[in-house]
Amino acid sequence: MPMFGILIQLIVSGIAMGFIYALVGIEYTLIWNASGVLNFSHDKMITTGAYIFGGTYILGLGMDFIPGILLSLITVALLGIVVARVIFIPLRNMTMIYTIMATVMLGKIIVEAIRLLWGPVPFSVPGFLIGTVKAGDVVISIANIAIIAAAAFCVLALQLFLYKTKPGKAMRCVAQNRKAAQLMGIDVRTVMTVTVMISMMICCLIGLLVSPLLNITTTMSNMIGLKGFAAGVIGGFGYLPGAILGGLCIGIVENIASMVLPSVYKDIVAFVLLVGFLLIRPAGITGKTR
């Protein structure tokens, strides 16, 4: 295959994974802005979405993919209400060390619950987003096309929600100043609950989108979660467009780097970029945090 075709494939794959990292960064940012809590259990929430979709609705109940996706999103949204009320709302006024410990332990609880409900054996979802599309010398997987399309739709829908609806505007007010928003009559607890529900749905979407690329296991999203955090920092932590830019930057750079570096070093690229930005430009690409 000509070098140009390989480069295009790497860029498309990088954009797809960049959107995945961007969605993780957005999830981080939403919860941080609403509650001031750094959610270090988000990678396990991604895994939960994949297990609910693949393990319960597709393989367990034999549903078609579209109903399985919709029911998975509804299920994790309902779980989000519980998580918000039990974990994130009580944590909102605690110091950073307590919130980090609580979310890390929440991740551990989720892992053990997954093993109890679905067992420890990895599995995959047969027939989901398989195949390729060929254009000249360029071969692009259906999974990458689906990731780009779904992630772009999710980002657009979220932007419309935040800027065109009353709940979205309330979320932005709380992100700017929680105490002032409360004084203006905004129910901060409800806003936080809605935010966690949306974040859980984003995690579920990530989990089912990456399930064709990875075996569904309790560790499937560990690296995705770390790179998503890096994307948020590189783009400007707390700033949604920055998370998108940071994710795309990591995805494209790490894929192009795989042309000159051994594949085993691919995962290092994100963290080299993270350290570089922290040293040279701590405010990230955009220089904004809200």
Protein backbone atom coordinates (compact mmCIF):
# COMPACT_ATOMS: atom_id res chain seq x y z
CA MET A 1 0.00 0.00 0.00
CA PRO A 2 1.34 3.52 -0.84
CA MET A 3 2.60 5.59 2.08
CA PHE A 4 -0.10 8.21 1.46
CA GLY A 5 -2.84 5.60 1.91
CA ILE A 6 -1.29 4.38 5.15
CA LEU A 7 -1.02 7.96 6.43
CA ILE A 8 -4.71 8.65 5.69
CA GLN A 9 -5.74 5.46 7.49
CA LEU A 10 -3.66 6.42 10.52
CA ILE A 11 -5.15 9.91 10.58
CA VAL A 12 -8.73 8.59 10.34
CA SER A 13 -8.01 6.05 13.08
CA GLY A 14 -6.41 8.82 15.13
CA ILE A 15 -9.46 11.05 14.72
CA ALA A 16 -11.72 8.18 15.82
CA MET A 17 -9.70 7.46 18.96
CA GLY A 18 -9.27 11.20 19.49
CA PHE A 19 -13.04 11.56 19.66
CA ILE A 20 -13.15 8.74 22.23
CA TYR A 21 -10.57 10.55 24.38
CA ALA A 22 -12.49 13.78 23.83
CA LEU A 23 -15.72 12.20 25.12
CA VAL A 24 -13.87 11.01 28.22
CA GLY A 25 -12.47 14.51 28.70
CA ILE A 26 -15.97 15.96 28.32
CA GLU A 27 -17.29 13.54 30.94
CA TYR A 28 -14.52 14.60 33.33
CA THR A 29 -15.26 18.26 32.63
CA LEU A 30 -19.03 18.00 33.12
CA ILE A 31 -18.76 16.44 36.57
CA TRP A 32 -15.88 18.70 37.61
CA ASN A 33 -17.80 21.84 36.60
CA ALA A 34 -21.01 20.73 38.29
CA SER A 35 -19.62 19.36 41.55
CA GLY A 36 -15.91 20.13 41.85
CA VAL A 37 -15.29 16.37 42.04
CA LEU A 38 -12.59 14.66 39.97
CA ASN A 39 -14.22 11.43 38.85
CA PHE A 40 -11.53 8.74 38.88
CA SER A 41 -14.10 5.97 38.39
CA HIS A 42 -15.14 7.04 34.90
CA ASP A 43 -13.13 4.27 33.21
CA LYS A 44 -15.14 1.70 35.15
CA MET A 45 -18.34 3.46 34.13
CA ILE A 46 -17.23 3.01 30.52
CA THR A 47 -16.69 -0.67 31.21
CA THR A 48 -20.12 -0.91 32.86
CA GLY A 49 -21.75 0.47 29.72
CA ALA A 50 -19.99 -2.13 27.56
CA TYR A 51 -21.04 -4.98 29.87
CA ILE A 52 -24.66 -3.83 30.07
CA PHE A 53 -24.82 -3.52 26.28
CA GLY A 54 -22.92 -6.66 25.30
CA GLY A 55 -23.34 -8.94 28.29
CA THR A 56 -26.97 -8.24 29.16
CA TYR A 57 -28.95 -6.93 26.20
CA ILE A 58 -27.13 -8.46 23.21
CA LEU A 59 -25.69 -11.79 24.37
CA GLY A 60 -27.92 -12.25 27.43
CA LEU A 61 -31.33 -11.29 26.04
CA GLY A 62 -30.55 -11.66 22.33
CA MET A 63 -31.71 -8.18 21.36
CA ASP A 64 -30.87 -6.38 18.14
CA PHE A 65 -28.18 -3.73 18.30
CA ILE A 66 -30.35 -0.59 18.13
CA PRO A 67 -32.77 -1.57 20.95
CA GLY A 68 -29.76 -2.80 22.94
CA ILE A 69 -28.01 0.56 22.57
CA LEU A 70 -31.12 2.53 23.57
CA LEU A 71 -31.86 0.34 26.60
CA SER A 72 -28.21 0.48 27.67
CA LEU A 73 -28.28 4.29 27.63
CA ILE A 74 -31.53 4.34 29.62
CA THR A 75 -30.15 1.83 32.14
CA VAL A 76 -26.96 3.79 32.84
CA ALA A 77 -28.95 7.04 33.08
CA LEU A 78 -31.01 5.46 35.87
CA LEU A 79 -27.81 4.23 37.52
CA GLY A 80 -26.53 7.79 37.23
CA ILE A 81 -29.35 9.02 39.47
CA VAL A 82 -28.25 6.58 42.18
CA VAL A 83 -24.56 7.42 41.79
CA ALA A 84 -25.28 11.16 41.92
CA ARG A 85 -27.41 10.93 45.05
CA VAL A 86 -25.16 8.49 46.90
CA ILE A 87 -21.68 9.61 45.82
CA PHE A 88 -21.30 12.93 44.00
CA ILE A 89 -23.79 15.16 45.80
CA PRO A 90 -22.52 14.23 49.30
CA LEU A 91 -18.92 14.73 48.09
CA ARG A 92 -19.41 18.19 46.61
CA ASN A 93 -18.34 20.09 49.76
CA MET A 94 -15.52 17.77 50.80
CA THR A 95 -11.81 18.34 50.24
CA MET A 96 -10.08 17.01 47.12
CA ILE A 97 -8.37 14.06 48.82
CA TYR A 98 -11.70 12.65 50.05
CA THR A 99 -13.34 12.98 46.63
CA ILE A 100 -10.42 11.26 44.91
CA MET A 101 -10.46 8.40 47.43
CA ALA A 102 -14.23 8.01 47.14
CA THR A 103 -14.28 7.87 43.33
CA VAL A 104 -11.32 5.47 43.21
CA MET A 105 -13.13 3.17 45.65
CA LEU A 106 -16.31 3.52 43.59
CA GLY A 107 -14.32 2.20 40.64
CA LYS A 108 -13.19 -0.80 42.69
CA ILE A 109 -16.77 -1.50 43.75
CA ILE A 110 -17.91 -1.35 40.11
CA VAL A 111 -15.21 -3.84 39.05
CA GLU A 112 -16.21 -6.35 41.71
CA ALA A 113 -19.90 -5.90 40.86
CA ILE A 114 -19.10 -6.60 37.19
CA ARG A 115 -17.24 -9.80 38.12
CA LEU A 116 -20.15 -10.87 40.30
CA LEU A 117 -22.82 -10.20 37.66
CA TRP A 118 -21.04 -11.16 34.41
CA GLY A 119 -18.06 -13.22 35.52
CA PRO A 120 -14.33 -12.74 34.91
CA VAL A 121 -14.13 -14.17 31.37
CA PRO A 122 -13.58 -11.61 28.55
CA PHE A 123 -16.00 -11.67 25.62
CA SER A 124 -16.91 -9.75 22.47
CA VAL A 125 -20.12 -8.81 20.66
CA PRO A 126 -20.28 -10.78 17.37
CA GLY A 127 -21.22 -8.82 14.27
CA PHE A 128 -21.24 -5.38 15.90
CA LEU A 129 -19.65 -2.67 13.71
CA ILE A 130 -17.51 -5.08 11.72
CA GLY A 131 -16.26 -4.70 8.16
CA THR A 132 -14.39 -2.05 6.19
CA VAL A 133 -14.99 0.60 3.55
CA LYS A 134 -12.44 0.97 0.74
CA ALA A 135 -11.82 4.19 -1.17
CA GLY A 136 -8.93 3.74 -3.58
CA ASP A 137 -5.91 2.70 -1.57
CA VAL A 138 -7.51 3.72 1.73
CA VAL A 139 -9.29 1.11 3.86
CA ILE A 140 -11.32 2.42 6.80
CA SER A 141 -13.07 0.23 9.34
CA ILE A 142 -16.80 0.54 9.94
CA ALA A 143 -16.03 0.87 13.66
CA ASN A 144 -13.91 3.99 13.11
CA ILE A 145 -16.58 5.56 10.90
CA ALA A 146 -19.24 4.81 13.53
CA ILE A 147 -17.07 6.26 16.31
CA ILE A 148 -16.49 9.52 14.42
CA ALA A 149 -20.17 9.88 13.46
CA ALA A 150 -21.56 8.99 16.89
CA ALA A 151 -19.04 11.11 18.80
CA ALA A 152 -19.58 14.12 16.54
CA PHE A 153 -23.35 13.79 16.98
CA CYS A 154 -22.92 13.48 20.76
CA VAL A 155 -20.75 16.62 20.92
CA LEU A 156 -23.22 18.60 18.77
CA ALA A 157 -26.22 17.41 20.79
CA LEU A 158 -24.48 18.30 24.05
CA GLN A 159 -23.61 21.79 22.80
CA LEU A 160 -27.22 22.38 21.72
CA PHE A 161 -28.45 21.09 25.08
CA LEU A 162 -26.09 23.33 27.06
CA TYR A 163 -26.83 26.52 25.10
CA LYS A 164 -30.44 26.12 23.94
CA THR A 165 -32.30 24.48 26.86
CA LYS A 166 -33.10 25.67 30.37
CA PRO A 167 -31.49 22.65 32.09
CA GLY A 168 -28.38 23.17 29.96
CA LYS A 169 -28.18 26.85 30.84
CA ALA A 170 -28.62 25.93 34.51
CA MET A 171 -25.68 23.51 34.18
CA ARG A 172 -23.54 26.32 32.74
CA CYS A 173 -24.55 28.64 35.58
CA VAL A 174 -23.59 26.04 38.17
CA ALA A 175 -20.29 25.49 36.34
CA GLN A 176 -19.51 29.21 36.61
CA ASN A 177 -20.39 29.59 40.30
CA ARG A 178 -22.32 27.02 42.31
CA LYS A 179 -23.08 29.32 45.26
CA ALA A 180 -24.28 32.18 43.07
CA ALA A 181 -26.43 29.77 41.03
CA GLN A 182 -28.04 28.50 44.22
CA LEU A 183 -28.74 32.06 45.39
CA MET A 184 -30.43 32.73 42.04
CA GLY A 185 -32.85 29.86 42.68
CA ILE A 186 -31.21 27.08 40.69
CA ASP A 187 -31.56 23.64 42.30
CA VAL A 188 -27.90 22.62 42.35
CA ARG A 189 -28.67 19.06 43.49
CA THR A 190 -30.96 18.50 40.51
CA VAL A 191 -28.39 20.00 38.14
CA MET A 192 -25.72 17.69 39.55
CA THR A 193 -28.02 14.68 39.15
CA VAL A 194 -28.74 15.55 35.51
CA THR A 195 -25.02 16.10 34.91
CA VAL A 196 -24.08 12.70 36.30
CA MET A 197 -26.84 11.05 34.25
CA ILE A 198 -25.48 12.66 31.06
CA SER A 199 -21.92 11.71 32.03
CA MET A 200 -22.94 8.09 32.60
CA MET A 201 -24.66 8.00 29.21
CA ILE A 202 -21.49 9.36 27.57
CA CYS A 203 -19.48 6.64 29.32
CA CYS A 204 -21.91 4.00 28.07
CA LEU A 205 -21.63 5.35 24.53
CA ILE A 206 -17.83 5.16 24.75
CA GLY A 207 -18.01 1.60 26.06
CA LEU A 208 -20.20 0.29 23.27
CA LEU A 209 -18.26 2.19 20.57
CA VAL A 210 -14.91 0.69 21.60
CA SER A 211 -16.32 -2.80 22.14
CA PRO A 212 -15.62 -3.81 18.49
CA LEU A 213 -11.97 -2.76 18.95
CA LEU A 214 -11.34 -4.36 22.34
CA ASN A 215 -12.44 -7.46 24.20
CA ILE A 216 -14.98 -6.56 26.88
CA THR A 217 -13.07 -6.97 30.15
CA THR A 218 -12.86 -5.15 33.47
CA THR A 219 -9.60 -3.51 32.33
CA MET A 220 -10.68 -2.57 28.79
CA SER A 221 -10.96 1.16 29.47
CA ASN A 222 -8.05 1.76 31.85
CA MET A 223 -5.80 3.38 29.24
CA ILE A 224 -8.73 5.17 27.59
CA GLY A 225 -9.58 6.78 30.92
CA LEU A 226 -6.03 8.00 31.50
CA LYS A 227 -5.74 9.41 27.99
CA GLY A 228 -9.12 11.10 28.36
CA PHE A 229 -7.87 12.82 31.51
CA ALA A 230 -4.77 13.89 29.58
CA ALA A 231 -7.02 15.23 26.81
CA GLY A 232 -8.91 17.37 29.30
CA VAL A 233 -5.70 18.83 30.73
CA ILE A 234 -4.07 19.41 27.33
CA GLY A 235 -7.15 21.20 26.03
CA GLY A 236 -7.72 23.28 29.16
CA PHE A 237 -9.28 21.49 32.12
CA GLY A 238 -12.90 22.43 32.67
CA TYR A 239 -13.41 23.78 29.13
CA LEU A 240 -15.51 21.53 26.87
CA PRO A 241 -14.13 22.62 23.46
CA GLY A 242 -10.66 22.23 24.93
CA ALA A 243 -11.37 18.60 25.80
CA ILE A 244 -12.30 17.96 22.17
CA LEU A 245 -9.12 19.60 20.88
CA GLY A 246 -7.01 17.74 23.43
CA GLY A 247 -8.54 14.39 22.51
CA LEU A 248 -8.06 14.88 18.79
CA CYS A 249 -4.49 16.06 19.36
CA ILE A 250 -3.62 12.92 21.33
CA GLY A 251 -5.40 10.55 18.94
CA ILE A 252 -3.80 11.90 15.77
CA VAL A 253 -0.29 12.38 17.20
CA GLU A 254 -0.10 8.92 18.78
CA ASN A 255 -1.25 7.23 15.58
CA ILE A 256 1.19 9.13 13.37
CA ALA A 257 3.95 8.45 15.91
CA SER A 258 3.32 4.73 15.43
CA MET A 259 4.82 5.11 11.94
CA VAL A 260 8.25 5.86 13.43
CA LEU A 261 8.03 4.31 16.90
CA PRO A 262 7.49 0.66 17.87
CA SER A 263 3.81 0.05 18.61
CA VAL A 264 4.63 -0.80 22.23
CA TYR A 265 5.48 2.88 22.78
CA LYS A 266 2.24 4.20 21.31
CA ASP A 267 0.56 4.73 24.69
CA ILE A 268 3.48 6.83 25.95
CA VAL A 269 2.75 9.63 23.47
CA ALA A 270 -0.29 10.93 25.38
CA PHE A 271 1.63 11.22 28.62
CA VAL A 272 4.65 12.84 26.99
CA LEU A 273 2.25 15.44 25.57
CA LEU A 274 0.62 15.84 28.99
CA VAL A 275 3.93 16.44 30.78
CA GLY A 276 5.05 18.80 28.02
CA PHE A 277 1.91 20.92 28.31
CA LEU A 278 2.08 20.97 32.11
CA LEU A 279 5.65 22.28 31.92
CA ILE A 280 5.29 24.71 29.00
CA ARG A 281 1.60 25.67 28.88
CA PRO A 282 -0.26 24.51 32.02
CA ALA A 283 -3.50 26.20 30.91
CA GLY A 284 -3.66 23.92 27.86
CA ILE A 285 -4.12 24.60 24.16
CA THR A 286 -6.99 27.05 24.61
CA GLY A 287 -5.74 28.69 27.79
CA LYS A 288 -9.29 28.51 29.17
CA THR A 289 -10.68 26.57 32.12
CA ARG A 290 -14.42 27.33 31.82
